[in-house]
Protein backbone atom coordinates (compact mmCIF):
# COMPACT_ATOMS: atom_id res chain seq x y z
CA CYS A 1 4.76 -8.04 46.08
CA PHE A 2 7.82 -9.51 44.39
CA ARG A 3 6.56 -13.04 44.96
CA ALA A 4 3.17 -12.16 43.48
CA LEU A 5 4.75 -10.64 40.36
CA CYS A 6 7.50 -13.20 39.89
CA CYS A 7 5.91 -16.40 41.05
CA LYS A 8 2.23 -15.77 40.31
CA GLY A 9 1.19 -15.37 43.91
CA PRO A 10 1.95 -16.97 47.24
CA PRO A 11 2.28 -20.72 47.50
CA PRO A 12 -0.96 -22.53 48.26
CA PRO A 13 -1.58 -22.97 51.97
CA ARG A 14 -0.69 -26.33 53.44
CA PRO A 15 -3.58 -28.17 55.07
CA GLU A 16 -3.48 -28.27 58.87
CA TYR A 17 -4.51 -31.23 60.98
CA ASP A 18 -5.17 -31.19 64.72
CA LEU A 19 -3.82 -34.20 66.61
CA VAL A 20 -3.67 -35.20 70.24
CA CYS A 21 -0.58 -36.96 71.62
CA ILE A 22 -1.10 -39.07 74.75
CA GLY A 23 0.83 -41.62 76.77
CA LEU A 24 2.15 -42.19 80.27
CA THR A 25 4.83 -39.99 81.82
CA GLY A 26 8.27 -40.83 80.47
CA SER A 27 7.02 -42.55 77.34
CA GLY A 28 8.78 -40.01 75.10
CA LYS A 29 6.00 -37.76 73.84
CA THR A 30 7.96 -34.53 74.32
CA SER A 31 11.14 -36.02 72.84
CA LEU A 32 9.23 -37.25 69.79
CA LEU A 33 7.69 -33.84 69.10
CA SER A 34 10.95 -32.02 69.73
CA GLN A 35 12.67 -34.31 67.24
CA LEU A 36 9.94 -33.75 64.63
CA CYS A 37 10.30 -29.98 65.11
CA SER A 38 14.12 -30.20 64.78
CA GLU A 39 14.58 -28.83 68.30
CA SER A 40 17.54 -29.60 70.49
CA PRO A 41 17.08 -32.78 72.55
CA GLU A 42 18.81 -31.08 75.49
CA ASN A 43 16.79 -29.64 78.35
CA ILE A 44 13.65 -31.64 77.60
CA VAL A 45 11.33 -31.44 80.60
CA SER A 46 8.35 -33.71 81.17
CA THR A 47 5.10 -31.98 80.23
CA THR A 48 2.90 -30.86 83.09
CA GLY A 49 -0.58 -30.15 81.81
CA PHE A 50 -0.33 -29.79 78.05
CA SER A 51 1.66 -28.15 75.29
CA ILE A 52 0.94 -27.44 71.65
CA LYS A 53 3.45 -27.75 68.84
CA ALA A 54 3.08 -27.07 65.14
CA VAL A 55 4.98 -29.80 63.31
CA PRO A 56 5.70 -28.68 59.74
CA PHE A 57 5.90 -31.14 56.88
CA GLN A 58 6.28 -30.39 53.19
CA ASN A 59 2.60 -31.01 52.38
CA ALA A 60 0.88 -30.35 55.71
CA ILE A 61 1.16 -28.93 59.20
CA LEU A 62 0.29 -31.03 62.23
CA ASN A 63 -0.92 -29.05 65.25
CA VAL A 64 -0.22 -31.49 68.06
CA LYS A 65 -1.65 -31.12 71.58
CA GLU A 66 0.65 -33.09 73.84
CA LEU A 67 -1.04 -34.03 77.09
CA GLY A 68 0.94 -34.81 80.23
CA GLY A 69 0.86 -38.43 81.29
CA ALA A 70 0.96 -38.22 85.08
CA ASP A 71 -1.77 -39.97 87.12
CA ASN A 72 -3.37 -36.72 88.24
CA ILE A 73 -3.46 -35.33 84.66
CA ARG A 74 -4.74 -38.37 82.73
CA LYS A 75 -8.24 -37.96 84.15
CA TYR A 76 -8.45 -34.63 82.26
CA TRP A 77 -7.28 -35.92 78.87
CA SER A 78 -10.81 -36.15 77.49
CA ARG A 79 -11.27 -32.39 77.93
CA TYR A 80 -8.69 -31.85 75.18
CA TYR A 81 -10.02 -34.38 72.66
CA GLN A 82 -12.58 -32.13 70.97
CA GLY A 83 -11.58 -31.11 67.46
CA SER A 84 -8.88 -33.75 67.13
CA GLN A 85 -8.47 -35.39 63.75
CA GLY A 86 -6.05 -38.10 64.84
CA VAL A 87 -4.30 -39.59 67.88
CA ILE A 88 -0.67 -40.40 68.60
CA PHE A 89 -0.36 -42.84 71.50
CA VAL A 90 3.22 -43.21 72.75
CA LEU A 91 4.19 -46.05 75.05
CA ASP A 92 7.47 -46.97 76.65
CA SER A 93 8.26 -50.45 75.35
CA ALA A 94 10.91 -50.87 78.07
CA SER A 95 8.61 -50.02 80.99
CA SER A 96 7.57 -52.31 83.83
CA GLU A 97 4.70 -54.77 83.45
CA ASP A 98 2.55 -52.57 85.71
CA ASP A 99 3.20 -49.46 83.62
CA LEU A 100 2.61 -51.39 80.42
CA GLU A 101 -0.73 -52.59 81.80
CA THR A 102 -1.64 -49.00 82.76
CA ALA A 103 -0.71 -47.83 79.25
CA ARG A 104 -2.81 -50.64 77.76
CA ASN A 105 -5.81 -49.57 79.85
CA GLU A 106 -5.38 -45.92 78.85
CA LEU A 107 -5.11 -46.90 75.19
CA HIS A 108 -8.31 -48.99 75.38
CA SER A 109 -10.07 -46.10 77.10
CA ALA A 110 -8.98 -43.69 74.35
CA LEU A 111 -10.01 -46.14 71.61
CA GLN A 112 -13.49 -46.31 73.12
CA HIS A 113 -13.93 -42.59 73.75
CA PRO A 114 -16.75 -41.16 71.58
CA GLN A 115 -14.61 -38.27 70.30
CA LEU A 116 -11.69 -40.53 69.34
CA CYS A 117 -13.14 -43.92 68.40
CA THR A 118 -13.52 -43.05 64.71
CA LEU A 119 -10.15 -41.29 64.35
CA PRO A 120 -6.90 -42.73 63.02
CA PHE A 121 -4.50 -43.85 65.78
CA LEU A 122 -0.72 -44.07 65.57
CA ILE A 123 0.61 -46.30 68.34
CA LEU A 124 4.32 -45.71 68.81
CA ALA A 125 6.32 -48.26 70.83
CA ASN A 126 9.12 -45.95 71.93
CA HIS A 127 12.47 -46.73 73.58
CA GLN A 128 13.22 -49.66 71.29
CA ASP A 129 16.92 -48.88 71.76
CA LYS A 130 16.84 -49.87 75.45
CA PRO A 131 17.93 -53.38 76.48
CA ALA A 132 14.64 -54.09 78.27
CA ALA A 133 12.51 -53.07 75.27
CA ARG A 134 9.78 -55.48 74.24
CA SER A 135 9.13 -56.38 70.64
CA ILE A 136 5.99 -55.24 68.90
CA GLN A 137 4.48 -58.71 69.38
CA GLU A 138 5.18 -58.58 73.13
CA VAL A 139 3.70 -55.12 73.52
């Protein structure tokens, strides 16, 4: 009531956007979202299945579905794509050549998926602070 009298009503609602966050296990998806939500980096556990986080920004709220990146979970990623308005693909830039090739294949598959192919993609080359990290050109 006070806000309505004093400030001429509640603030306008912030727009909400639904995103999907994918990448192989250990790429840093959970750490990224925890950091964006100002959560403690301690006790971060790799996601099994999926989790949903609301990431607040000043002008918008991102509802991010983080999908686990294990072999046995990746085949179900497409079941969670519906309704997404954007994609965050996280890759470990310090991973082995085999893992980098697997990540590349998963990225190409996501880029070609009918529910994602027209959406904006953010490709995040994580772990740039590690000695074995590849540059953007190498990735």
